[in-house]
Amino acid sequence: PMASMPMYVFGLLQIGTEYAIARAWAGSLVLLLIVFALFVVARKLGGKDRR
């Protein structure tokens, strides 16, 4: 089966060690950055500003 980032983060949180939790936080940050980047690209390509 193919691994997904949310399942990776969830699995690391289940382990519970300090190192695993730190990696889970890093994975969560990566997910947030990906969503933010897609949001910025969509806003730039979305057309004119409606102000």
N, C-alpha and C. Protein backbone atom coordinates (compact mmCIF):
# COMPACT_ATOMS: atom_id res chain seq x y z
N PRO A 1 0.83 -1.20 0.00
CA PRO A 1 0.00 0.00 0.00
C PRO A 1 0.87 1.27 0.00
N MET A 2 0.31 2.29 -0.57
CA MET A 2 1.03 3.56 -0.67
C MET A 2 0.87 4.36 0.62
N ALA A 3 1.96 4.92 1.09
CA ALA A 3 1.92 5.72 2.32
C ALA A 3 1.41 7.13 2.01
N SER A 4 0.68 7.69 2.95
CA SER A 4 0.24 9.08 2.80
C SER A 4 0.77 9.88 3.98
N MET A 5 0.94 11.16 3.76
CA MET A 5 1.52 12.01 4.80
C MET A 5 0.66 12.05 6.07
N PRO A 6 -0.68 12.19 5.98
CA PRO A 6 -1.46 12.19 7.22
C PRO A 6 -1.34 10.88 8.01
N MET A 7 -1.29 9.76 7.31
CA MET A 7 -1.13 8.48 8.02
C MET A 7 0.27 8.36 8.62
N TYR A 8 1.26 8.92 7.95
CA TYR A 8 2.62 8.94 8.48
C TYR A 8 2.66 9.72 9.80
N VAL A 9 2.03 10.91 9.80
CA VAL A 9 1.99 11.73 11.01
C VAL A 9 1.23 11.00 12.11
N PHE A 10 0.09 10.43 11.78
CA PHE A 10 -0.71 9.71 12.78
C PHE A 10 0.07 8.53 13.36
N GLY A 11 0.76 7.79 12.50
CA GLY A 11 1.55 6.65 12.97
C GLY A 11 2.66 7.07 13.91
N LEU A 12 3.31 8.18 13.60
CA LEU A 12 4.38 8.66 14.47
C LEU A 12 3.83 9.11 15.82
N LEU A 13 2.66 9.72 15.81
CA LEU A 13 2.07 10.13 17.08
C LEU A 13 1.69 8.93 17.94
N GLN A 14 1.33 7.83 17.31
CA GLN A 14 0.98 6.62 18.05
C GLN A 14 2.19 6.02 18.74
N ILE A 15 3.39 6.20 18.14
CA ILE A 15 4.61 5.65 18.74
C ILE A 15 4.89 6.34 20.06
N GLY A 16 4.83 7.67 20.08
CA GLY A 16 4.89 8.42 21.32
C GLY A 16 6.27 8.80 21.82
N THR A 17 7.34 8.40 21.14
CA THR A 17 8.66 8.82 21.60
C THR A 17 8.88 10.29 21.22
N GLU A 18 9.83 10.91 21.88
CA GLU A 18 10.11 12.32 21.62
C GLU A 18 10.53 12.54 20.17
N TYR A 19 11.36 11.64 19.65
CA TYR A 19 11.82 11.74 18.27
C TYR A 19 10.66 11.57 17.29
N ALA A 20 9.78 10.63 17.56
CA ALA A 20 8.64 10.38 16.67
C ALA A 20 7.69 11.57 16.67
N ILE A 21 7.46 12.16 17.83
CA ILE A 21 6.57 13.32 17.91
C ILE A 21 7.18 14.51 17.18
N ALA A 22 8.49 14.69 17.29
CA ALA A 22 9.15 15.78 16.56
C ALA A 22 9.01 15.58 15.05
N ARG A 23 9.15 14.35 14.60
CA ARG A 23 8.98 14.08 13.16
C ARG A 23 7.53 14.27 12.73
N ALA A 24 6.59 13.95 13.61
CA ALA A 24 5.17 14.18 13.30
C ALA A 24 4.89 15.67 13.14
N TRP A 25 5.46 16.49 14.02
CA TRP A 25 5.30 17.94 13.90
C TRP A 25 5.90 18.44 12.60
N ALA A 26 7.06 17.91 12.23
CA ALA A 26 7.70 18.31 10.97
C ALA A 26 6.83 17.92 9.78
N GLY A 27 6.25 16.73 9.82
CA GLY A 27 5.35 16.30 8.76
C GLY A 27 4.12 17.18 8.66
N SER A 28 3.59 17.59 9.81
CA SER A 28 2.44 18.48 9.82
C SER A 28 2.79 19.83 9.22
N LEU A 29 3.98 20.33 9.53
CA LEU A 29 4.42 21.60 8.96
C LEU A 29 4.55 21.50 7.44
N VAL A 30 5.07 20.39 6.96
CA VAL A 30 5.18 20.18 5.51
C VAL A 30 3.80 20.21 4.86
N LEU A 31 2.83 19.54 5.48
CA LEU A 31 1.47 19.56 4.94
C LEU A 31 0.91 20.97 4.88
N LEU A 32 1.11 21.74 5.95
CA LEU A 32 0.63 23.12 5.96
C LEU A 32 1.30 23.96 4.89
N LEU A 33 2.59 23.77 4.68
CA LEU A 33 3.30 24.54 3.65
C LEU A 33 2.81 24.18 2.25
N ILE A 34 2.51 22.91 2.02
CA ILE A 34 1.98 22.50 0.72
C ILE A 34 0.62 23.15 0.46
N VAL A 35 -0.25 23.13 1.46
CA VAL A 35 -1.57 23.75 1.32
C VAL A 35 -1.43 25.25 1.09
N PHE A 36 -0.54 25.90 1.83
CA PHE A 36 -0.32 27.33 1.67
C PHE A 36 0.19 27.66 0.27
N ALA A 37 1.13 26.87 -0.23
CA ALA A 37 1.68 27.10 -1.57
C ALA A 37 0.60 26.93 -2.63
N LEU A 38 -0.23 25.91 -2.50
CA LEU A 38 -1.32 25.72 -3.46
C LEU A 38 -2.33 26.87 -3.39
N PHE A 39 -2.59 27.37 -2.20
CA PHE A 39 -3.49 28.50 -2.03
C PHE A 39 -2.95 29.74 -2.73
N VAL A 40 -1.66 30.01 -2.55
CA VAL A 40 -1.04 31.18 -3.18
C VAL A 40 -1.08 31.06 -4.70
N VAL A 41 -0.76 29.89 -5.22
CA VAL A 41 -0.79 29.67 -6.67
C VAL A 41 -2.22 29.86 -7.19
N ALA A 42 -3.20 29.34 -6.49
CA ALA A 42 -4.59 29.48 -6.93
C ALA A 42 -5.02 30.95 -6.93
N ARG A 43 -4.57 31.71 -5.94
CA ARG A 43 -4.91 33.13 -5.89
C ARG A 43 -4.25 33.89 -7.04
N LYS A 44 -3.01 33.53 -7.36
CA LYS A 44 -2.30 34.21 -8.45
C LYS A 44 -2.92 33.89 -9.80
N LEU A 45 -3.33 32.65 -10.00
CA LEU A 45 -3.89 32.23 -11.28
C LEU A 45 -5.39 32.48 -11.37
N GLY A 46 -5.99 32.86 -10.26
CA GLY A 46 -7.44 32.97 -10.20
C GLY A 46 -8.05 34.15 -10.91
N GLY A 47 -7.27 35.08 -11.33
CA GLY A 47 -7.85 36.20 -12.05
C GLY A 47 -7.66 37.52 -11.33
N LYS A 48 -8.49 38.47 -11.73
CA LYS A 48 -8.37 39.83 -11.22
C LYS A 48 -8.80 39.92 -9.77
N ASP A 49 -8.24 40.91 -9.08
CA ASP A 49 -8.64 41.21 -7.71
C ASP A 49 -10.01 41.90 -7.76
N ARG A 50 -10.90 41.57 -6.87
CA ARG A 50 -12.28 42.07 -6.93
C ARG A 50 -12.51 43.26 -5.99
N ARG A 51 -11.50 44.03 -5.70
CA ARG A 51 -11.68 45.18 -4.80
C ARG A 51 -12.26 46.36 -5.51
